[in-house]
Amino acid sequence: ALSAEEEDKGELYTKDGRDFENYIRRLAGLAELAPKDKGDRGAQRVRVGLGPKPAGGDKAAAAAADLADRKANREWVVYEVATQTGKEPGGGTTAQCYVTFRGEYGDYGPCLLERPEGAAGSKALAEGCRDVFDVCALDVGPLKALTVSHDNTGTSPSWHLTAVTVRRARTSAEEARTWEFYYDGWVSADK
């Protein structure tokens, strides 16, 4: 439990080994990740931004102040990124893939789409597969665009991407939202 002084400062202490990720996941109503290790690593401090409410009167001025406040005090959120790899021969990729979120409050990224541990034999980002990744990032607000890229590594780096669905967990300011981006093309240096 937090003391009144700590609560006023907007500080949070966790001991589960996944710290901030699980805090965000609990806020979003998502399942928690398992602890990284069994040992108690001690308390870790996480600062939570608490922005002031805009002084009201004029609705347009209040809306502009609210947008400026959201840009200045963006929260950490979990984006659930679901990729659909095409069924074309050689459509899967061995490269490290990234997303950059572009929204009303700014951009964030590139963020690695982390493959499961032991990815050498992993089927992640394979031909015809749908893969889901949890990405912890600063809230960019309503998404306007998404940039998908890769590092062109591995024996088969070209990737036939058909679609990406992004679900942002609930934030203190907005409910959960989902955006769909259709591409149906190659992410490749040579195609």
C-alpha atoms as a PDB file:
ATOM      1  CA  ALA A   1       0.000   0.000   0.000  1.00  0.00           C
ATOM      2  CA  LEU A   2       1.122   3.547  -0.686  1.00  0.00           C
ATOM      3  CA  SER A   3       1.475   6.186   1.990  1.00  0.00           C
ATOM      4  CA  ALA A   4      -0.544   9.382   1.549  1.00  0.00           C
ATOM      5  CA  GLU A   5       2.682  11.225   0.637  1.00  0.00           C
ATOM      6  CA  GLU A   6       3.584   8.637  -2.027  1.00  0.00           C
ATOM      7  CA  GLU A   7       0.032   8.693  -3.396  1.00  0.00           C
ATOM      8  CA  ASP A   8       0.200  12.478  -3.791  1.00  0.00           C
ATOM      9  CA  LYS A   9       3.435  12.109  -5.773  1.00  0.00           C
ATOM     10  CA  GLY A  10       1.820   9.602  -8.153  1.00  0.00           C
ATOM     11  CA  GLU A  11       4.368   6.852  -7.413  1.00  0.00           C
ATOM     12  CA  LEU A  12       3.735   3.143  -7.730  1.00  0.00           C
ATOM     13  CA  TYR A  13       5.757   0.257  -6.321  1.00  0.00           C
ATOM     14  CA  THR A  14       5.765  -3.242  -7.791  1.00  0.00           C
ATOM     15  CA  LYS A  15       7.635  -6.444  -6.925  1.00  0.00           C
ATOM     16  CA  ASP A  16       6.490  -8.958  -9.547  1.00  0.00           C
ATOM     17  CA  GLY A  17       9.506  -8.937 -11.885  1.00  0.00           C
ATOM     18  CA  ARG A  18       7.459  -7.546 -14.798  1.00  0.00           C
ATOM     19  CA  ASP A  19       6.880  -4.269 -12.987  1.00  0.00           C
ATOM     20  CA  PHE A  20       5.523  -1.575 -15.246  1.00  0.00           C
ATOM     21  CA  GLU A  21       4.300  -3.952 -17.981  1.00  0.00           C
ATOM     22  CA  ASN A  22       1.928  -5.727 -15.579  1.00  0.00           C
ATOM     23  CA  TYR A  23       0.798  -2.437 -14.043  1.00  0.00           C
ATOM     24  CA  ILE A  24      -0.270  -1.221 -17.491  1.00  0.00           C
ATOM     25  CA  ARG A  25      -1.819  -4.605 -18.325  1.00  0.00           C
ATOM     26  CA  ARG A  26      -3.852  -4.545 -15.060  1.00  0.00           C
ATOM     27  CA  LEU A  27      -5.141  -1.050 -15.905  1.00  0.00           C
ATOM     28  CA  ALA A  28      -6.073  -2.247 -19.384  1.00  0.00           C
ATOM     29  CA  GLY A  29      -7.868  -5.345 -18.121  1.00  0.00           C
ATOM     30  CA  LEU A  30      -5.400  -7.682 -19.900  1.00  0.00           C
ATOM     31  CA  ALA A  31      -3.893 -10.866 -18.462  1.00  0.00           C
ATOM     32  CA  GLU A  32      -0.682 -10.335 -16.511  1.00  0.00           C
ATOM     33  CA  LEU A  33       2.663 -11.669 -17.700  1.00  0.00           C
ATOM     34  CA  ALA A  34       4.433 -14.287 -15.587  1.00  0.00           C
ATOM     35  CA  PRO A  35       7.283 -13.018 -13.375  1.00  0.00           C
ATOM     36  CA  LYS A  36      10.697 -13.040 -15.047  1.00  0.00           C
ATOM     37  CA  ASP A  37      12.254 -14.845 -12.108  1.00  0.00           C
ATOM     38  CA  LYS A  38      11.153 -16.386  -8.817  1.00  0.00           C
ATOM     39  CA  GLY A  39      13.314 -14.164  -6.591  1.00  0.00           C
ATOM     40  CA  ASP A  40      12.092 -10.967  -4.968  1.00  0.00           C
ATOM     41  CA  ARG A  41      14.059  -8.218  -6.701  1.00  0.00           C
ATOM     42  CA  GLY A  42      12.815  -5.565  -4.280  1.00  0.00           C
ATOM     43  CA  ALA A  43      10.531  -2.629  -4.871  1.00  0.00           C
ATOM     44  CA  GLN A  44      10.941  -0.614  -8.032  1.00  0.00           C
ATOM     45  CA  ARG A  45       9.570   2.886  -8.398  1.00  0.00           C
ATOM     46  CA  VAL A  46       7.508   3.933 -11.416  1.00  0.00           C
ATOM     47  CA  ARG A  47       6.395   7.547 -11.896  1.00  0.00           C
ATOM     48  CA  VAL A  48       2.855   8.025 -13.126  1.00  0.00           C
ATOM     49  CA  GLY A  49       2.122  11.361 -14.857  1.00  0.00           C
ATOM     50  CA  LEU A  50      -0.745  13.276 -13.280  1.00  0.00           C
ATOM     51  CA  GLY A  51      -1.668  16.264 -15.467  1.00  0.00           C
ATOM     52  CA  PRO A  52      -3.801  19.214 -14.338  1.00  0.00           C
ATOM     53  CA  LYS A  53      -7.366  19.577 -15.610  1.00  0.00           C
ATOM     54  CA  PRO A  54      -7.885  22.475 -18.049  1.00  0.00           C
ATOM     55  CA  ALA A  55      -9.636  25.491 -16.578  1.00  0.00           C
ATOM     56  CA  GLY A  56     -13.010  25.720 -18.262  1.00  0.00           C
ATOM     57  CA  GLY A  57     -15.149  28.462 -19.696  1.00  0.00           C
ATOM     58  CA  ASP A  58     -14.608  28.494 -23.411  1.00  0.00           C
ATOM     59  CA  LYS A  59     -15.075  24.954 -24.829  1.00  0.00           C
ATOM     60  CA  ALA A  60     -12.633  25.472 -27.724  1.00  0.00           C
ATOM     61  CA  ALA A  61      -9.935  26.809 -25.381  1.00  0.00           C
ATOM     62  CA  ALA A  62     -10.569  23.932 -22.968  1.00  0.00           C
ATOM     63  CA  ALA A  63     -10.320  21.401 -25.829  1.00  0.00           C
ATOM     64  CA  ALA A  64      -7.050  22.968 -27.044  1.00  0.00           C
ATOM     65  CA  ALA A  65      -5.678  22.978 -23.489  1.00  0.00           C
ATOM     66  CA  ASP A  66      -6.748  19.341 -23.071  1.00  0.00           C
ATOM     67  CA  LEU A  67      -4.970  18.316 -26.298  1.00  0.00           C
ATOM     68  CA  ALA A  68      -1.805  20.190 -25.259  1.00  0.00           C
ATOM     69  CA  ASP A  69      -1.987  18.540 -21.831  1.00  0.00           C
ATOM     70  CA  ARG A  70      -2.393  15.072 -23.365  1.00  0.00           C
ATOM     71  CA  LYS A  71       0.591  15.647 -25.653  1.00  0.00           C
ATOM     72  CA  ALA A  72       2.714  16.831 -22.725  1.00  0.00           C
ATOM     73  CA  ASN A  73       1.578  14.133 -20.268  1.00  0.00           C
ATOM     74  CA  ARG A  74       1.216  11.050 -22.427  1.00  0.00           C
ATOM     75  CA  GLU A  75       0.635   7.779 -20.593  1.00  0.00           C
ATOM     76  CA  TRP A  76       2.267   4.423 -21.176  1.00  0.00           C
ATOM     77  CA  VAL A  77      -0.204   2.015 -22.748  1.00  0.00           C
ATOM     78  CA  VAL A  78      -0.202  -1.495 -24.135  1.00  0.00           C
ATOM     79  CA  TYR A  79      -0.871  -1.823 -27.835  1.00  0.00           C
ATOM     80  CA  GLU A  80      -1.924  -5.270 -28.999  1.00  0.00           C
ATOM     81  CA  VAL A  81      -0.522  -5.557 -32.532  1.00  0.00           C
ATOM     82  CA  ALA A  82      -1.903  -8.419 -34.660  1.00  0.00           C
ATOM     83  CA  THR A  83      -0.158  -9.076 -37.971  1.00  0.00           C
ATOM     84  CA  GLN A  84      -1.454 -11.238 -40.810  1.00  0.00           C
ATOM     85  CA  THR A  85       1.232 -12.696 -43.047  1.00  0.00           C
ATOM     86  CA  GLY A  86       0.217 -13.509 -46.602  1.00  0.00           C
ATOM     87  CA  LYS A  87      -0.026 -17.055 -48.001  1.00  0.00           C
ATOM     88  CA  GLU A  88       2.315 -16.349 -50.917  1.00  0.00           C
ATOM     89  CA  PRO A  89       5.290 -18.710 -51.172  1.00  0.00           C
ATOM     90  CA  GLY A  90       8.129 -17.234 -49.118  1.00  0.00           C
ATOM     91  CA  GLY A  91       5.745 -14.762 -47.458  1.00  0.00           C
ATOM     92  CA  GLY A  92       7.119 -15.309 -43.949  1.00  0.00           C
ATOM     93  CA  THR A  93      10.153 -13.452 -42.642  1.00  0.00           C
ATOM     94  CA  THR A  94      13.252 -14.191 -40.584  1.00  0.00           C
ATOM     95  CA  ALA A  95      13.981 -10.470 -40.049  1.00  0.00           C
ATOM     96  CA  GLN A  96      13.400  -8.493 -36.865  1.00  0.00           C
ATOM     97  CA  CYS A  97      10.192  -6.500 -37.476  1.00  0.00           C
ATOM     98  CA  TYR A  98       9.196  -3.135 -36.029  1.00  0.00           C
ATOM     99  CA  VAL A  99       6.178  -0.829 -35.825  1.00  0.00           C
ATOM    100  CA  THR A 100       6.068   2.944 -35.358  1.00  0.00           C
ATOM    101  CA  PHE A 101       2.797   4.385 -34.084  1.00  0.00           C
ATOM    102  CA  ARG A 102       1.766   7.766 -35.542  1.00  0.00           C
ATOM    103  CA  GLY A 103      -1.107   9.531 -33.837  1.00  0.00           C
ATOM    104  CA  GLU A 104      -2.728  12.793 -32.835  1.00  0.00           C
ATOM    105  CA  TYR A 105      -0.303  13.326 -29.907  1.00  0.00           C
ATOM    106  CA  GLY A 106       2.873  12.438 -31.820  1.00  0.00           C
ATOM    107  CA  ASP A 107       4.877   9.394 -32.886  1.00  0.00           C
ATOM    108  CA  TYR A 108       6.458   6.554 -30.946  1.00  0.00           C
ATOM    109  CA  GLY A 109       8.805   3.909 -32.256  1.00  0.00           C
ATOM    110  CA  PRO A 110      10.207   1.934 -33.849  1.00  0.00           C
ATOM    111  CA  CYS A 111       9.079  -0.806 -31.427  1.00  0.00           C
ATOM    112  CA  LEU A 112      10.302  -4.375 -31.876  1.00  0.00           C
ATOM    113  CA  LEU A 113       7.676  -7.058 -32.461  1.00  0.00           C
ATOM    114  CA  GLU A 114       9.304  -9.497 -30.043  1.00  0.00           C
ATOM    115  CA  ARG A 115       9.193 -13.126 -31.066  1.00  0.00           C
ATOM    116  CA  PRO A 116       8.784 -15.721 -28.324  1.00  0.00           C
ATOM    117  CA  GLU A 117      11.967 -16.849 -26.556  1.00  0.00           C
ATOM    118  CA  GLY A 118      13.738 -19.577 -28.495  1.00  0.00           C
ATOM    119  CA  ALA A 119      12.533 -18.038 -31.763  1.00  0.00           C
ATOM    120  CA  ALA A 120      14.938 -20.052 -33.912  1.00  0.00           C
ATOM    121  CA  GLY A 121      12.243 -22.673 -34.472  1.00  0.00           C
ATOM    122  CA  SER A 122       9.388 -20.246 -33.929  1.00  0.00           C
ATOM    123  CA  LYS A 123       6.536 -20.007 -36.415  1.00  0.00           C
ATOM    124  CA  ALA A 124       6.063 -16.293 -35.624  1.00  0.00           C
ATOM    125  CA  LEU A 125       5.654 -14.191 -38.788  1.00  0.00           C
ATOM    126  CA  ALA A 126       5.475 -17.335 -40.904  1.00  0.00           C
ATOM    127  CA  GLU A 127       3.614 -17.727 -44.199  1.00  0.00           C
ATOM    128  CA  GLY A 128      -0.180 -17.571 -43.677  1.00  0.00           C
ATOM    129  CA  CYS A 129       0.058 -16.935 -39.905  1.00  0.00           C
ATOM    130  CA  ARG A 130      -1.680 -14.413 -37.692  1.00  0.00           C
ATOM    131  CA  ASP A 131       0.586 -13.296 -34.844  1.00  0.00           C
ATOM    132  CA  VAL A 132      -0.234 -11.115 -31.848  1.00  0.00           C
ATOM    133  CA  PHE A 133       2.331  -8.985 -30.013  1.00  0.00           C
ATOM    134  CA  ASP A 134       1.931  -6.804 -26.916  1.00  0.00           C
ATOM    135  CA  VAL A 135       3.881  -3.566 -27.297  1.00  0.00           C
ATOM    136  CA  CYS A 136       4.281  -1.144 -24.376  1.00  0.00           C
ATOM    137  CA  ALA A 137       4.603   2.419 -25.734  1.00  0.00           C
ATOM    138  CA  LEU A 138       3.678   6.013 -25.058  1.00  0.00           C
ATOM    139  CA  ASP A 139       0.072   6.785 -25.990  1.00  0.00           C
ATOM    140  CA  VAL A 140       0.052   8.565 -29.353  1.00  0.00           C
ATOM    141  CA  GLY A 141      -3.700   9.220 -29.189  1.00  0.00           C
ATOM    142  CA  PRO A 142      -6.006   8.196 -32.014  1.00  0.00           C
ATOM    143  CA  LEU A 143      -3.849   6.453 -34.629  1.00  0.00           C
ATOM    144  CA  LYS A 144      -3.488   8.197 -37.967  1.00  0.00           C
ATOM    145  CA  ALA A 145      -0.874   5.875 -39.476  1.00  0.00           C
ATOM    146  CA  LEU A 146       1.354   2.920 -38.711  1.00  0.00           C
ATOM    147  CA  THR A 147       4.802   2.306 -40.154  1.00  0.00           C
ATOM    148  CA  VAL A 148       5.954  -1.320 -40.416  1.00  0.00           C
ATOM    149  CA  SER A 149       9.622  -2.037 -41.096  1.00  0.00           C
ATOM    150  CA  HIS A 150      12.282  -4.702 -40.620  1.00  0.00           C
ATOM    151  CA  ASP A 151      16.071  -4.924 -40.404  1.00  0.00           C
ATOM    152  CA  ASN A 152      16.474  -7.107 -43.541  1.00  0.00           C
ATOM    153  CA  THR A 153      18.317  -9.851 -41.604  1.00  0.00           C
ATOM    154  CA  GLY A 154      18.153 -13.619 -41.751  1.00  0.00           C
ATOM    155  CA  THR A 155      17.985 -16.054 -44.617  1.00  0.00           C
ATOM    156  CA  SER A 156      14.544 -14.905 -45.800  1.00  0.00           C
ATOM    157  CA  PRO A 157      13.936 -11.288 -44.759  1.00  0.00           C
ATOM    158  CA  SER A 158      11.196 -10.359 -47.269  1.00  0.00           C
ATOM    159  CA  TRP A 159       7.752 -10.346 -45.640  1.00  0.00           C
ATOM    160  CA  HIS A 160       4.355 -10.421 -47.351  1.00  0.00           C
ATOM    161  CA  LEU A 161       2.134  -8.493 -44.960  1.00  0.00           C
ATOM    162  CA  THR A 162      -1.596  -8.403 -45.649  1.00  0.00           C
ATOM    163  CA  ALA A 163      -2.983  -6.538 -42.632  1.00  0.00           C
ATOM    164  CA  VAL A 164      -2.236  -5.170 -39.164  1.00  0.00           C
ATOM    165  CA  THR A 165      -4.826  -4.681 -36.436  1.00  0.00           C
ATOM    166  CA  VAL A 166      -3.892  -2.475 -33.483  1.00  0.00           C
ATOM    167  CA  ARG A 167      -5.870  -2.492 -30.249  1.00  0.00           C
ATOM    168  CA  ARG A 168      -5.023   0.115 -27.652  1.00  0.00           C
ATOM    169  CA  ALA A 169      -5.972  -0.732 -24.124  1.00  0.00           C
ATOM    170  CA  ARG A 170      -8.129   1.632 -22.106  1.00  0.00           C
ATOM    171  CA  THR A 171      -6.379   4.778 -20.860  1.00  0.00           C
ATOM    172  CA  SER A 172      -7.439   7.225 -18.167  1.00  0.00           C
ATOM    173  CA  ALA A 173      -8.789   9.519 -20.897  1.00  0.00           C
ATOM    174  CA  GLU A 174     -10.336   7.096 -23.412  1.00  0.00           C
ATOM    175  CA  GLU A 175     -11.872   3.667 -23.778  1.00  0.00           C
ATOM    176  CA  ALA A 176     -10.100   0.859 -25.638  1.00  0.00           C
ATOM    177  CA  ARG A 177      -9.888   1.416 -29.403  1.00  0.00           C
ATOM    178  CA  THR A 178      -9.101  -0.714 -32.443  1.00  0.00           C
ATOM    179  CA  TRP A 179      -7.650   0.316 -35.808  1.00  0.00           C
ATOM    180  CA  GLU A 180      -7.228  -1.851 -38.898  1.00  0.00           C
ATOM    181  CA  PHE A 181      -4.603  -1.231 -41.564  1.00  0.00           C
ATOM    182  CA  TYR A 182      -4.691  -3.166 -44.857  1.00  0.00           C
ATOM    183  CA  TYR A 183      -1.521  -3.458 -46.918  1.00  0.00           C
ATOM    184  CA  ASP A 184      -1.367  -6.712 -48.928  1.00  0.00           C
ATOM    185  CA  GLY A 185       2.185  -6.131 -50.153  1.00  0.00           C
ATOM    186  CA  TRP A 186       5.814  -6.908 -49.533  1.00  0.00           C
ATOM    187  CA  VAL A 187       7.930  -5.360 -46.782  1.00  0.00           C
ATOM    188  CA  SER A 188      11.244  -5.916 -48.515  1.00  0.00           C
ATOM    189  CA  ALA A 189      14.419  -4.268 -49.717  1.00  0.00           C
ATOM    190  CA  ASP A 190      14.287  -6.168 -53.041  1.00  0.00           C
ATOM    191  CA  LYS A 191      10.608  -6.657 -54.011  1.00  0.00           C
END
